[in-house]
PDB file of N, CA and C in Angstrom:
ATOM      1  N   MET A   1      -5.077 -11.879   7.047  1.00  0.00           N
ATOM      2  CA  MET A   1      -5.490 -11.280   5.739  1.00  0.00           C
ATOM      3  C   MET A   1      -6.957 -12.106   5.346  1.00  0.00           C
ATOM      4  N   PRO A   2      -6.954 -13.489   5.560  1.00  0.00           N
ATOM      5  CA  PRO A   2      -8.116 -14.140   5.251  1.00  0.00           C
ATOM      6  C   PRO A   2      -9.470 -13.556   5.797  1.00  0.00           C
ATOM      7  N   SER A   3      -9.282 -13.258   7.312  1.00  0.00           N
ATOM      8  CA  SER A   3     -10.447 -12.455   7.909  1.00  0.00           C
ATOM      9  C   SER A   3     -10.822 -11.258   7.125  1.00  0.00           C
ATOM     10  N   HIS A   4      -9.827 -10.381   6.781  1.00  0.00           N
ATOM     11  CA  HIS A   4     -10.103  -9.145   5.996  1.00  0.00           C
ATOM     12  C   HIS A   4     -10.789  -9.380   4.669  1.00  0.00           C
ATOM     13  N   LEU A   5     -10.349 -10.331   3.992  1.00  0.00           N
ATOM     14  CA  LEU A   5     -10.886 -10.784   2.829  1.00  0.00           C
ATOM     15  C   LEU A   5     -12.313 -11.068   2.849  1.00  0.00           C
ATOM     16  N   ALA A   6     -12.632 -11.809   3.822  1.00  0.00           N
ATOM     17  CA  ALA A   6     -13.952 -12.422   4.001  1.00  0.00           C
ATOM     18  C   ALA A   6     -14.902 -11.406   4.299  1.00  0.00           C
ATOM     19  N   THR A   7     -14.587 -10.101   4.485  1.00  0.00           N
ATOM     20  CA  THR A   7     -15.467  -8.992   4.682  1.00  0.00           C
ATOM     21  C   THR A   7     -15.704  -8.110   3.483  1.00  0.00           C
ATOM     22  N   LEU A   8     -14.862  -8.534   2.341  1.00  0.00           N
ATOM     23  CA  LEU A   8     -15.081  -7.742   1.080  1.00  0.00           C
ATOM     24  C   LEU A   8     -16.241  -8.582   0.304  1.00  0.00           C
ATOM     25  N   ALA A   9     -17.160  -7.618  -0.042  1.00  0.00           N
ATOM     26  CA  ALA A   9     -18.304  -8.217  -0.925  1.00  0.00           C
ATOM     27  C   ALA A   9     -17.869  -7.880  -2.270  1.00  0.00           C
ATOM     28  N   LEU A  10     -18.557  -8.405  -3.233  1.00  0.00           N
ATOM     29  CA  LEU A  10     -18.274  -8.253  -4.779  1.00  0.00           C
ATOM     30  C   LEU A  10     -18.137  -6.632  -5.026  1.00  0.00           C
ATOM     31  N   GLU A  11     -19.145  -5.916  -4.474  1.00  0.00           N
ATOM     32  CA  GLU A  11     -19.200  -4.356  -4.775  1.00  0.00           C
ATOM     33  C   GLU A  11     -17.919  -3.871  -4.341  1.00  0.00           C
ATOM     34  N   ASN A  12     -16.973  -4.255  -3.253  1.00  0.00           N
ATOM     35  CA  ASN A  12     -15.851  -3.718  -2.935  1.00  0.00           C
ATOM     36  C   ASN A  12     -14.660  -4.055  -4.009  1.00  0.00           C
ATOM     37  N   TRP A  13     -14.832  -5.067  -4.768  1.00  0.00           N
ATOM     38  CA  TRP A  13     -13.704  -5.461  -5.725  1.00  0.00           C
ATOM     39  C   TRP A  13     -13.920  -4.654  -6.981  1.00  0.00           C
ATOM     40  N   LYS A  14     -15.224  -4.078  -7.237  1.00  0.00           N
ATOM     41  CA  LYS A  14     -15.471  -3.464  -8.662  1.00  0.00           C
ATOM     42  C   LYS A  14     -14.454  -2.427  -8.819  1.00  0.00           C
ATOM     43  N   PRO A  15     -14.186  -1.633  -8.136  1.00  0.00           N
ATOM     44  CA  PRO A  15     -13.178  -0.578  -8.414  1.00  0.00           C
ATOM     45  C   PRO A  15     -11.783  -1.095  -8.932  1.00  0.00           C
ATOM     46  N   LEU A  16     -11.427  -2.099  -8.306  1.00  0.00           N
ATOM     47  CA  LEU A  16     -10.107  -2.981  -8.849  1.00  0.00           C
ATOM     48  C   LEU A  16     -10.440  -3.394 -10.015  1.00  0.00           C
ATOM     49  N   PHE A  17     -11.560  -3.930 -10.276  1.00  0.00           N
ATOM     50  CA  PHE A  17     -11.947  -4.593 -11.446  1.00  0.00           C
ATOM     51  C   PHE A  17     -11.964  -3.672 -12.897  1.00  0.00           C
ATOM     52  N   ARG A  18     -12.194  -2.510 -12.498  1.00  0.00           N
ATOM     53  CA  ARG A  18     -12.313  -1.459 -13.403  1.00  0.00           C
ATOM     54  C   ARG A  18     -10.920  -1.164 -14.020  1.00  0.00           C
ATOM     55  N   PHE A  19      -9.877  -1.444 -13.454  1.00  0.00           N
ATOM     56  CA  PHE A  19      -8.507  -1.138 -13.962  1.00  0.00           C
ATOM     57  C   PHE A  19      -8.135  -2.306 -14.988  1.00  0.00           C
ATOM     58  N   ILE A  20      -8.929  -3.237 -15.178  1.00  0.00           N
ATOM     59  CA  ILE A  20      -8.439  -4.374 -16.075  1.00  0.00           C
ATOM     60  C   ILE A  20      -8.507  -3.712 -17.602  1.00  0.00           C
ATOM     61  N   PRO A  21      -9.330  -3.139 -18.083  1.00  0.00           N
ATOM     62  CA  PRO A  21      -9.078  -2.843 -19.551  1.00  0.00           C
ATOM     63  C   PRO A  21      -8.149  -1.751 -19.622  1.00  0.00           C
ATOM     64  N   ARG A  22      -7.771  -0.869 -18.572  1.00  0.00           N
ATOM     65  CA  ARG A  22      -6.840   0.110 -18.551  1.00  0.00           C
ATOM     66  C   ARG A  22      -5.532  -0.518 -18.720  1.00  0.00           C
ATOM     67  N   ILE A  23      -5.471  -1.526 -17.833  1.00  0.00           N
ATOM     68  CA  ILE A  23      -4.023  -2.244 -17.755  1.00  0.00           C
ATOM     69  C   ILE A  23      -3.800  -3.063 -19.025  1.00  0.00           C
ATOM     70  N   GLN A  24      -4.804  -3.485 -19.574  1.00  0.00           N
ATOM     71  CA  GLN A  24      -4.540  -4.369 -20.583  1.00  0.00           C
ATOM     72  C   GLN A  24      -4.288  -3.655 -21.863  1.00  0.00           C
ATOM     73  N   ALA A  25      -4.734  -2.330 -21.947  1.00  0.00           N
ATOM     74  CA  ALA A  25      -4.438  -1.316 -23.122  1.00  0.00           C
ATOM     75  C   ALA A  25      -3.107  -0.950 -23.193  1.00  0.00           C
ATOM     76  N   LYS A  26      -2.361  -1.055 -21.939  1.00  0.00           N
ATOM     77  CA  LYS A  26      -1.082  -0.452 -21.745  1.00  0.00           C
ATOM     78  C   LYS A  26       0.095  -1.066 -22.559  1.00  0.00           C
ATOM     79  N   LYS A  27       0.981  -0.380 -23.048  1.00  0.00           N
ATOM     80  CA  LYS A  27       2.145  -1.079 -23.691  1.00  0.00           C
ATOM     81  C   LYS A  27       3.339  -1.117 -22.655  1.00  0.00           C
ATOM     82  N   GLY A  28       3.309  -0.242 -21.956  1.00  0.00           N
ATOM     83  CA  GLY A  28       4.389  -0.138 -20.744  1.00  0.00           C
ATOM     84  C   GLY A  28       3.691   0.238 -19.430  1.00  0.00           C
ATOM     85  N   PHE A  29       4.332   0.010 -18.361  1.00  0.00           N
ATOM     86  CA  PHE A  29       3.862   0.213 -17.023  1.00  0.00           C
ATOM     87  C   PHE A  29       4.591   1.296 -16.277  1.00  0.00           C
ATOM     88  N   GLY A  30       5.490   1.921 -16.920  1.00  0.00           N
ATOM     89  CA  GLY A  30       6.393   2.884 -16.126  1.00  0.00           C
ATOM     90  C   GLY A  30       7.636   3.136 -16.963  1.00  0.00           C
ATOM     91  N   LYS A  31       8.547   3.684 -16.289  1.00  0.00           N
ATOM     92  CA  LYS A  31       9.810   3.983 -16.976  1.00  0.00           C
ATOM     93  C   LYS A  31      10.941   3.779 -16.140  1.00  0.00           C
ATOM     94  N   TRP A  32      12.043   3.182 -16.600  1.00  0.00           N
ATOM     95  CA  TRP A  32      13.332   3.327 -15.749  1.00  0.00           C
ATOM     96  C   TRP A  32      14.126   4.551 -16.047  1.00  0.00           C
ATOM     97  N   HIS A  33      14.717   5.137 -15.115  1.00  0.00           N
ATOM     98  CA  HIS A  33      15.473   6.296 -15.215  1.00  0.00           C
ATOM     99  C   HIS A  33      16.882   5.954 -14.861  1.00  0.00           C
ATOM    100  N   TYR A  34      17.611   6.419 -15.848  1.00  0.00           N
ATOM    101  CA  TYR A  34      19.294   6.003 -15.430  1.00  0.00           C
ATOM    102  C   TYR A  34      19.942   7.585 -15.381  1.00  0.00           C
ATOM    103  N   PRO A  35      19.931   8.112 -14.422  1.00  0.00           N
ATOM    104  CA  PRO A  35      20.461   9.425 -14.334  1.00  0.00           C
ATOM    105  C   PRO A  35      21.986   9.508 -14.607  1.00  0.00           C
ATOM    106  N   LYS A  36      22.457  10.603 -15.306  1.00  0.00           N
ATOM    107  CA  LYS A  36      23.839  10.704 -15.467  1.00  0.00           C
ATOM    108  C   LYS A  36      24.679  11.049 -14.238  1.00  0.00           C
ATOM    109  N   LYS A  37      25.982  10.409 -14.291  1.00  0.00           N
ATOM    110  CA  LYS A  37      26.733  10.832 -13.250  1.00  0.00           C
ATOM    111  C   LYS A  37      27.265  12.266 -13.155  1.00  0.00           C
ATOM    112  N   GLU A  38      26.868  12.982 -11.992  1.00  0.00           N
ATOM    113  CA  GLU A  38      27.214  14.387 -12.096  1.00  0.00           C
ATOM    114  C   GLU A  38      28.302  14.466 -10.858  1.00  0.00           C
ATOM    115  N   SER A  39      29.266  15.401 -11.145  1.00  0.00           N
ATOM    116  CA  SER A  39      30.237  15.918 -10.265  1.00  0.00           C
ATOM    117  C   SER A  39      30.730  14.510  -9.372  1.00  0.00           C
ATOM    118  N   GLY A  40      31.019  13.445  -9.889  1.00  0.00           N
ATOM    119  CA  GLY A  40      31.556  12.192  -9.259  1.00  0.00           C
ATOM    120  C   GLY A  40      30.465  11.643  -8.373  1.00  0.00           C
ATOM    121  N   VAL A  41      29.153  12.031  -8.330  1.00  0.00           N
ATOM    122  CA  VAL A  41      28.036  11.485  -7.592  1.00  0.00           C
ATOM    123  C   VAL A  41      27.293  10.442  -8.461  1.00  0.00           C
ATOM    124  N   PHE A  42      27.273   9.203  -8.041  1.00  0.00           N
ATOM    125  CA  PHE A  42      26.511   8.320  -8.741  1.00  0.00           C
ATOM    126  C   PHE A  42      24.983   8.252  -8.193  1.00  0.00           C
ATOM    127  N   ILE A  43      24.161   8.453  -9.213  1.00  0.00           N
ATOM    128  CA  ILE A  43      22.593   8.359  -8.815  1.00  0.00           C
ATOM    129  C   ILE A  43      22.194   7.098  -9.173  1.00  0.00           C
ATOM    130  N   MET A  44      21.541   6.305  -8.180  1.00  0.00           N
ATOM    131  CA  MET A  44      20.906   5.075  -8.695  1.00  0.00           C
ATOM    132  C   MET A  44      19.946   5.194  -9.539  1.00  0.00           C
ATOM    133  N   PRO A  45      19.722   4.221 -10.511  1.00  0.00           N
ATOM    134  CA  PRO A  45      18.626   4.059 -11.342  1.00  0.00           C
ATOM    135  C   PRO A  45      17.405   3.933 -10.594  1.00  0.00           C
ATOM    136  N   TYR A  46      16.162   4.467 -11.183  1.00  0.00           N
ATOM    137  CA  TYR A  46      15.069   4.371 -10.438  1.00  0.00           C
ATOM    138  C   TYR A  46      14.010   4.244 -11.403  1.00  0.00           C
ATOM    139  N   PHE A  47      12.909   3.460 -10.911  1.00  0.00           N
ATOM    140  CA  PHE A  47      11.601   3.234 -11.781  1.00  0.00           C
ATOM    141  C   PHE A  47      10.520   4.114 -11.293  1.00  0.00           C
ATOM    142  N   SER A  48       9.804   4.675 -12.270  1.00  0.00           N
ATOM    143  CA  SER A  48       8.688   5.514 -11.991  1.00  0.00           C
ATOM    144  C   SER A  48       7.382   4.845 -12.832  1.00  0.00           C
ATOM    145  N   PHE A  49       6.292   4.827 -11.962  1.00  0.00           N
ATOM    146  CA  PHE A  49       5.127   4.268 -12.335  1.00  0.00           C
ATOM    147  C   PHE A  49       4.367   5.303 -13.231  1.00  0.00           C
ATOM    148  N   GLY A  50       3.598   4.775 -14.168  1.00  0.00           N
ATOM    149  CA  GLY A  50       2.831   5.618 -14.914  1.00  0.00           C
ATOM    150  C   GLY A  50       1.570   5.823 -14.008  1.00  0.00           C
ATOM    151  N   ARG A  51       0.652   6.968 -14.621  1.00  0.00           N
ATOM    152  CA  ARG A  51      -0.549   7.216 -13.838  1.00  0.00           C
ATOM    153  C   ARG A  51      -1.473   6.122 -13.414  1.00  0.00           C
ATOM    154  N   THR A  52      -1.766   5.141 -14.410  1.00  0.00           N
ATOM    155  CA  THR A  52      -2.635   4.043 -14.135  1.00  0.00           C
ATOM    156  C   THR A  52      -2.031   3.263 -12.942  1.00  0.00           C
ATOM    157  N   GLU A  53      -0.814   2.924 -13.286  1.00  0.00           N
ATOM    158  CA  GLU A  53      -0.200   2.059 -12.129  1.00  0.00           C
ATOM    159  C   GLU A  53      -0.218   2.608 -10.738  1.00  0.00           C
ATOM    160  N   ARG A  54       0.090   4.085 -10.694  1.00  0.00           N
ATOM    161  CA  ARG A  54      -0.094   4.787  -9.327  1.00  0.00           C
ATOM    162  C   ARG A  54      -1.401   4.696  -8.819  1.00  0.00           C
ATOM    163  N   GLU A  55      -2.437   4.819  -9.552  1.00  0.00           N
ATOM    164  CA  GLU A  55      -3.833   4.842  -9.147  1.00  0.00           C
ATOM    165  C   GLU A  55      -4.154   3.563  -8.695  1.00  0.00           C
ATOM    166  N   PHE A  56      -3.720   2.359  -9.505  1.00  0.00           N
ATOM    167  CA  PHE A  56      -3.943   1.050  -9.013  1.00  0.00           C
ATOM    168  C   PHE A  56      -3.400   0.557  -7.911  1.00  0.00           C
ATOM    169  N   LEU A  57      -2.051   0.917  -7.475  1.00  0.00           N
ATOM    170  CA  LEU A  57      -1.277   0.738  -6.327  1.00  0.00           C
ATOM    171  C   LEU A  57      -2.085   1.424  -5.181  1.00  0.00           C
ATOM    172  N   LYS A  58      -2.418   2.627  -5.357  1.00  0.00           N
ATOM    173  CA  LYS A  58      -2.992   3.257  -4.251  1.00  0.00           C
ATOM    174  C   LYS A  58      -4.153   2.593  -3.751  1.00  0.00           C
ATOM    175  N   LEU A  59      -5.107   2.209  -4.825  1.00  0.00           N
ATOM    176  CA  LEU A  59      -6.307   1.453  -4.580  1.00  0.00           C
ATOM    177  C   LEU A  59      -5.961   0.076  -3.765  1.00  0.00           C
ATOM    178  N   VAL A  60      -5.079  -0.697  -4.205  1.00  0.00           N
ATOM    179  CA  VAL A  60      -4.632  -1.914  -3.660  1.00  0.00           C
ATOM    180  C   VAL A  60      -4.306  -1.649  -2.042  1.00  0.00           C
ATOM    181  N   TYR A  61      -3.554  -0.553  -1.793  1.00  0.00           N
ATOM    182  CA  TYR A  61      -3.242  -0.215  -0.402  1.00  0.00           C
ATOM    183  C   TYR A  61      -4.554   0.146   0.310  1.00  0.00           C
ATOM    184  N   ARG A  62      -5.434   1.177  -0.272  1.00  0.00           N
ATOM    185  CA  ARG A  62      -6.460   1.572   0.382  1.00  0.00           C
ATOM    186  C   ARG A  62      -7.551   0.296   0.717  1.00  0.00           C
ATOM    187  N   MET A  63      -7.504  -0.602  -0.223  1.00  0.00           N
ATOM    188  CA  MET A  63      -8.413  -1.893   0.022  1.00  0.00           C
ATOM    189  C   MET A  63      -7.695  -2.640   1.158  1.00  0.00           C
ATOM    190  N   GLN A  64      -6.491  -2.400   1.454  1.00  0.00           N
ATOM    191  CA  GLN A  64      -5.714  -3.240   2.458  1.00  0.00           C
ATOM    192  C   GLN A  64      -5.581  -4.599   1.960  1.00  0.00           C
ATOM    193  N   LEU A  65      -4.921  -4.765   0.647  1.00  0.00           N
ATOM    194  CA  LEU A  65      -4.882  -6.059  -0.129  1.00  0.00           C
ATOM    195  C   LEU A  65      -3.362  -6.367  -0.068  1.00  0.00           C
ATOM    196  N   VAL A  66      -2.570  -5.704   0.479  1.00  0.00           N
ATOM    197  CA  VAL A  66      -1.163  -5.883   0.322  1.00  0.00           C
ATOM    198  C   VAL A  66      -0.629  -6.973   1.403  1.00  0.00           C
ATOM    199  N   ILE A  67      -0.210  -8.075   0.905  1.00  0.00           N
ATOM    200  CA  ILE A  67       0.138  -9.449   1.575  1.00  0.00           C
ATOM    201  C   ILE A  67       1.732  -9.348   2.005  1.00  0.00           C
ATOM    202  N   SER A  68       1.893  -9.574   3.169  1.00  0.00           N
ATOM    203  CA  SER A  68       3.575  -9.778   3.497  1.00  0.00           C
ATOM    204  C   SER A  68       4.105 -11.041   2.995  1.00  0.00           C
ATOM    205  N   PHE A  69       4.909 -11.167   2.060  1.00  0.00           N
ATOM    206  CA  PHE A  69       5.383 -12.420   1.790  1.00  0.00           C
ATOM    207  C   PHE A  69       6.678 -12.293   1.039  1.00  0.00           C
ATOM    208  N   ASP A  70       7.675 -13.175   0.756  1.00  0.00           N
ATOM    209  CA  ASP A  70       8.888 -12.855   0.155  1.00  0.00           C
ATOM    210  C   ASP A  70       8.661 -12.945  -1.423  1.00  0.00           C
ATOM    211  N   TRP A  71       8.263 -11.894  -1.927  1.00  0.00           N
ATOM    212  CA  TRP A  71       7.877 -11.802  -3.346  1.00  0.00           C
ATOM    213  C   TRP A  71       8.836 -12.089  -4.324  1.00  0.00           C
ATOM    214  N   GLY A  72      10.177 -11.730  -3.882  1.00  0.00           N
ATOM    215  CA  GLY A  72      11.337 -12.013  -4.710  1.00  0.00           C
ATOM    216  C   GLY A  72      11.648 -13.374  -5.044  1.00  0.00           C
ATOM    217  N   LYS A  73      11.309 -14.344  -3.855  1.00  0.00           N
ATOM    218  CA  LYS A  73      11.691 -15.735  -3.986  1.00  0.00           C
ATOM    219  C   LYS A  73      10.524 -16.517  -4.417  1.00  0.00           C
ATOM    220  N   TRP A  74       9.353 -15.883  -4.337  1.00  0.00           N
ATOM    221  CA  TRP A  74       8.023 -16.638  -4.731  1.00  0.00           C
ATOM    222  C   TRP A  74       7.987 -17.091  -6.162  1.00  0.00           C
ATOM    223  N   GLY A  75       8.278 -16.040  -6.951  1.00  0.00           N
ATOM    224  CA  GLY A  75       8.658 -16.285  -8.479  1.00  0.00           C
ATOM    225  C   GLY A  75       7.582 -17.340  -9.247  1.00  0.00           C
ATOM    226  N   ARG A  76       6.465 -17.377  -8.943  1.00  0.00           N
ATOM    227  CA  ARG A  76       5.428 -18.325  -9.671  1.00  0.00           C
ATOM    228  C   ARG A  76       4.635 -17.492 -10.611  1.00  0.00           C
ATOM    229  N   THR A  77       4.647 -16.271 -10.691  1.00  0.00           N
ATOM    230  CA  THR A  77       3.686 -15.562 -11.427  1.00  0.00           C
ATOM    231  C   THR A  77       3.585 -15.887 -12.914  1.00  0.00           C
ATOM    232  N   ARG A  78       4.829 -15.966 -13.615  1.00  0.00           N
ATOM    233  CA  ARG A  78       4.642 -16.463 -14.930  1.00  0.00           C
ATOM    234  C   ARG A  78       4.117 -17.717 -15.352  1.00  0.00           C
ATOM    235  N   SER A  79       4.350 -18.650 -14.537  1.00  0.00           N
ATOM    236  CA  SER A  79       3.989 -20.129 -14.598  1.00  0.00           C
ATOM    237  C   SER A  79       2.600 -20.146 -14.203  1.00  0.00           C
ATOM    238  N   ILE A  80       1.949 -19.385 -13.233  1.00  0.00           N
ATOM    239  CA  ILE A  80       0.554 -19.129 -12.863  1.00  0.00           C
ATOM    240  C   ILE A  80      -0.168 -18.665 -14.061  1.00  0.00           C
ATOM    241  N   LEU A  81       0.267 -17.576 -14.755  1.00  0.00           N
ATOM    242  CA  LEU A  81      -0.527 -16.881 -15.571  1.00  0.00           C
ATOM    243  C   LEU A  81      -0.480 -17.741 -16.952  1.00  0.00           C
ATOM    244  N   ARG A  82       0.147 -18.801 -17.177  1.00  0.00           N
ATOM    245  CA  ARG A  82      -0.003 -19.458 -18.238  1.00  0.00           C
ATOM    246  C   ARG A  82      -1.141 -20.591 -18.437  1.00  0.00           C
ATOM    247  N   ARG A  83      -1.645 -20.635 -17.095  1.00  0.00           N
ATOM    248  CA  ARG A  83      -2.735 -21.543 -17.094  1.00  0.00           C
ATOM    249  C   ARG A  83      -4.085 -20.895 -16.595  1.00  0.00           C
ATOM    250  N   ASP A  84      -5.100 -21.558 -16.500  1.00  0.00           N
ATOM    251  CA  ASP A  84      -6.408 -20.962 -15.972  1.00  0.00           C
ATOM    252  C   ASP A  84      -6.347 -20.693 -14.470  1.00  0.00           C
ATOM    253  N   VAL A  85      -6.634 -19.270 -14.254  1.00  0.00           N
ATOM    254  CA  VAL A  85      -6.508 -18.747 -12.745  1.00  0.00           C
ATOM    255  C   VAL A  85      -7.762 -18.893 -12.153  1.00  0.00           C
ATOM    256  N   SER A  86      -8.924 -19.273 -12.877  1.00  0.00           N
ATOM    257  CA  SER A  86     -10.157 -19.214 -12.230  1.00  0.00           C
ATOM    258  C   SER A  86     -10.248 -20.024 -10.965  1.00  0.00           C
ATOM    259  N   ARG A  87      -9.541 -21.063 -10.756  1.00  0.00           N
ATOM    260  CA  ARG A  87      -9.643 -21.800  -9.499  1.00  0.00           C
ATOM    261  C   ARG A  87      -8.629 -21.511  -8.269  1.00  0.00           C
ATOM    262  N   LEU A  88      -7.811 -20.517  -8.751  1.00  0.00           N
ATOM    263  CA  LEU A  88      -6.823 -20.262  -7.587  1.00  0.00           C
ATOM    264  C   LEU A  88      -7.538 -19.322  -6.473  1.00  0.00           C
ATOM    265  N   ASN A  89      -6.937 -19.836  -5.270  1.00  0.00           N
ATOM    266  CA  ASN A  89      -7.488 -19.016  -4.128  1.00  0.00           C
ATOM    267  C   ASN A  89      -7.067 -17.498  -4.003  1.00  0.00           C
ATOM    268  N   ILE A  90      -7.757 -16.860  -3.346  1.00  0.00           N
ATOM    269  CA  ILE A  90      -7.582 -15.254  -3.348  1.00  0.00           C
ATOM    270  C   ILE A  90      -6.206 -14.809  -2.874  1.00  0.00           C
ATOM    271  N   LEU A  91      -5.662 -15.481  -2.072  1.00  0.00           N
ATOM    272  CA  LEU A  91      -4.441 -15.000  -1.455  1.00  0.00           C
ATOM    273  C   LEU A  91      -3.115 -15.296  -2.567  1.00  0.00           C
ATOM    274  N   THR A  92      -3.431 -16.578  -3.432  1.00  0.00           N
ATOM    275  CA  THR A  92      -2.498 -16.658  -4.623  1.00  0.00           C
ATOM    276  C   THR A  92      -2.585 -15.561  -5.606  1.00  0.00           C
ATOM    277  N   LEU A  93      -3.944 -15.096  -5.930  1.00  0.00           N
ATOM    278  CA  LEU A  93      -4.139 -14.238  -7.022  1.00  0.00           C
ATOM    279  C   LEU A  93      -3.579 -12.838  -6.560  1.00  0.00           C
ATOM    280  N   LEU A  94      -3.661 -12.623  -5.182  1.00  0.00           N
ATOM    281  CA  LEU A  94      -3.112 -11.293  -4.777  1.00  0.00           C
ATOM    282  C   LEU A  94      -1.599 -11.288  -4.801  1.00  0.00           C
ATOM    283  N   LYS A  95      -1.074 -12.446  -4.427  1.00  0.00           N
ATOM    284  CA  LYS A  95       0.442 -12.518  -4.824  1.00  0.00           C
ATOM    285  C   LYS A  95       0.865 -12.095  -6.210  1.00  0.00           C
ATOM    286  N   VAL A  96       0.051 -12.681  -7.129  1.00  0.00           N
ATOM    287  CA  VAL A  96       0.220 -12.433  -8.590  1.00  0.00           C
ATOM    288  C   VAL A  96       0.090 -11.061  -8.842  1.00  0.00           C
ATOM    289  N   VAL A  97      -0.844 -10.443  -8.457  1.00  0.00           N
ATOM    290  CA  VAL A  97      -1.038  -8.847  -8.581  1.00  0.00           C
ATOM    291  C   VAL A  97       0.045  -8.243  -7.995  1.00  0.00           C
ATOM    292  N   LEU A  98       0.421  -8.543  -6.762  1.00  0.00           N
ATOM    293  CA  LEU A  98       1.620  -7.730  -6.067  1.00  0.00           C
ATOM    294  C   LEU A  98       2.813  -7.965  -6.693  1.00  0.00           C
ATOM    295  N   THR A  99       3.339  -9.106  -7.214  1.00  0.00           N
ATOM    296  CA  THR A  99       4.609  -9.418  -7.722  1.00  0.00           C
ATOM    297  C   THR A  99       4.621  -8.843  -9.129  1.00  0.00           C
ATOM    298  N   SER A 100       3.517  -8.740  -9.825  1.00  0.00           N
ATOM    299  CA  SER A 100       3.327  -8.156 -11.280  1.00  0.00           C
ATOM    300  C   SER A 100       3.488  -6.694 -11.156  1.00  0.00           C
ATOM    301  N   ALA A 101       3.098  -6.080 -10.020  1.00  0.00           N
ATOM    302  CA  ALA A 101       2.960  -4.718  -9.977  1.00  0.00           C
ATOM    303  C   ALA A 101       4.459  -3.996  -9.532  1.00  0.00           C
ATOM    304  N   ARG A 102       5.359  -4.810  -9.301  1.00  0.00           N
ATOM    305  CA  ARG A 102       6.711  -4.346  -8.813  1.00  0.00           C
ATOM    306  C   ARG A 102       7.622  -4.112  -9.980  1.00  0.00           C
ATOM    307  N   PRO A 103       8.361  -3.046  -9.908  1.00  0.00           N
ATOM    308  CA  PRO A 103       9.439  -2.898 -11.020  1.00  0.00           C
ATOM    309  C   PRO A 103      10.397  -4.122 -11.016  1.00  0.00           C
ATOM    310  N   ASN A 104      10.544  -4.607 -12.333  1.00  0.00           N
ATOM    311  CA  ASN A 104      11.306  -5.882 -12.444  1.00  0.00           C
ATOM    312  C   ASN A 104      10.645  -7.141 -11.921  1.00  0.00           C
ATOM    313  N   GLY A 105       9.401  -7.001 -11.637  1.00  0.00           N
ATOM    314  CA  GLY A 105       8.602  -8.242 -11.188  1.00  0.00           C
ATOM    315  C   GLY A 105       8.569  -9.137 -12.154  1.00  0.00           C
ATOM    316  N   GLU A 106       7.885 -10.210 -11.753  1.00  0.00           N
ATOM    317  CA  GLU A 106       7.596 -11.322 -12.704  1.00  0.00           C
ATOM    318  C   GLU A 106       7.237 -10.996 -14.065  1.00  0.00           C
ATOM    319  N   LEU A 107       6.510  -9.979 -14.248  1.00  0.00           N
ATOM    320  CA  LEU A 107       5.969  -9.597 -15.771  1.00  0.00           C
ATOM    321  C   LEU A 107       7.009  -8.726 -16.330  1.00  0.00           C
ATOM    322  N   GLY A 108       8.057  -8.229 -15.590  1.00  0.00           N
ATOM    323  CA  GLY A 108       9.156  -7.637 -16.296  1.00  0.00           C
ATOM    324  C   GLY A 108       8.847  -6.005 -16.612  1.00  0.00           C
ATOM    325  N   TYR A 109       8.210  -5.295 -15.761  1.00  0.00           N
ATOM    326  CA  TYR A 109       7.922  -3.896 -16.205  1.00  0.00           C
ATOM    327  C   TYR A 109       9.248  -3.340 -16.470  1.00  0.00           C
ATOM    328  N   ARG A 110       9.645  -2.855 -17.592  1.00  0.00           N
ATOM    329  CA  ARG A 110      10.857  -2.258 -17.980  1.00  0.00           C
ATOM    330  C   ARG A 110      10.597  -1.137 -18.792  1.00  0.00           C
TER     331      ARG A 110
END
């Protein structure tokens, strides 16, 4: 991942940065669905992202910014966001983005 990130110029990041005002303006980031039990069949609850989130995640994948790490155990997003993030390295910032973008992630999209 560090070698891939080194190939990205500021111009490459601009499409991602354009999402900032759209995400800041949102009150919710998707919706949990709790289907009713039908004919004795239990259907698991599931989360569906809104349009902005789907577009954002597609871009993150297209830019190859998905990091493989144990996001469930990482659990640092809330504490990181309470302080100045300007000095964090890019890998830590990507972890924040990725854990935040998951249903029930650190930012609790519910």
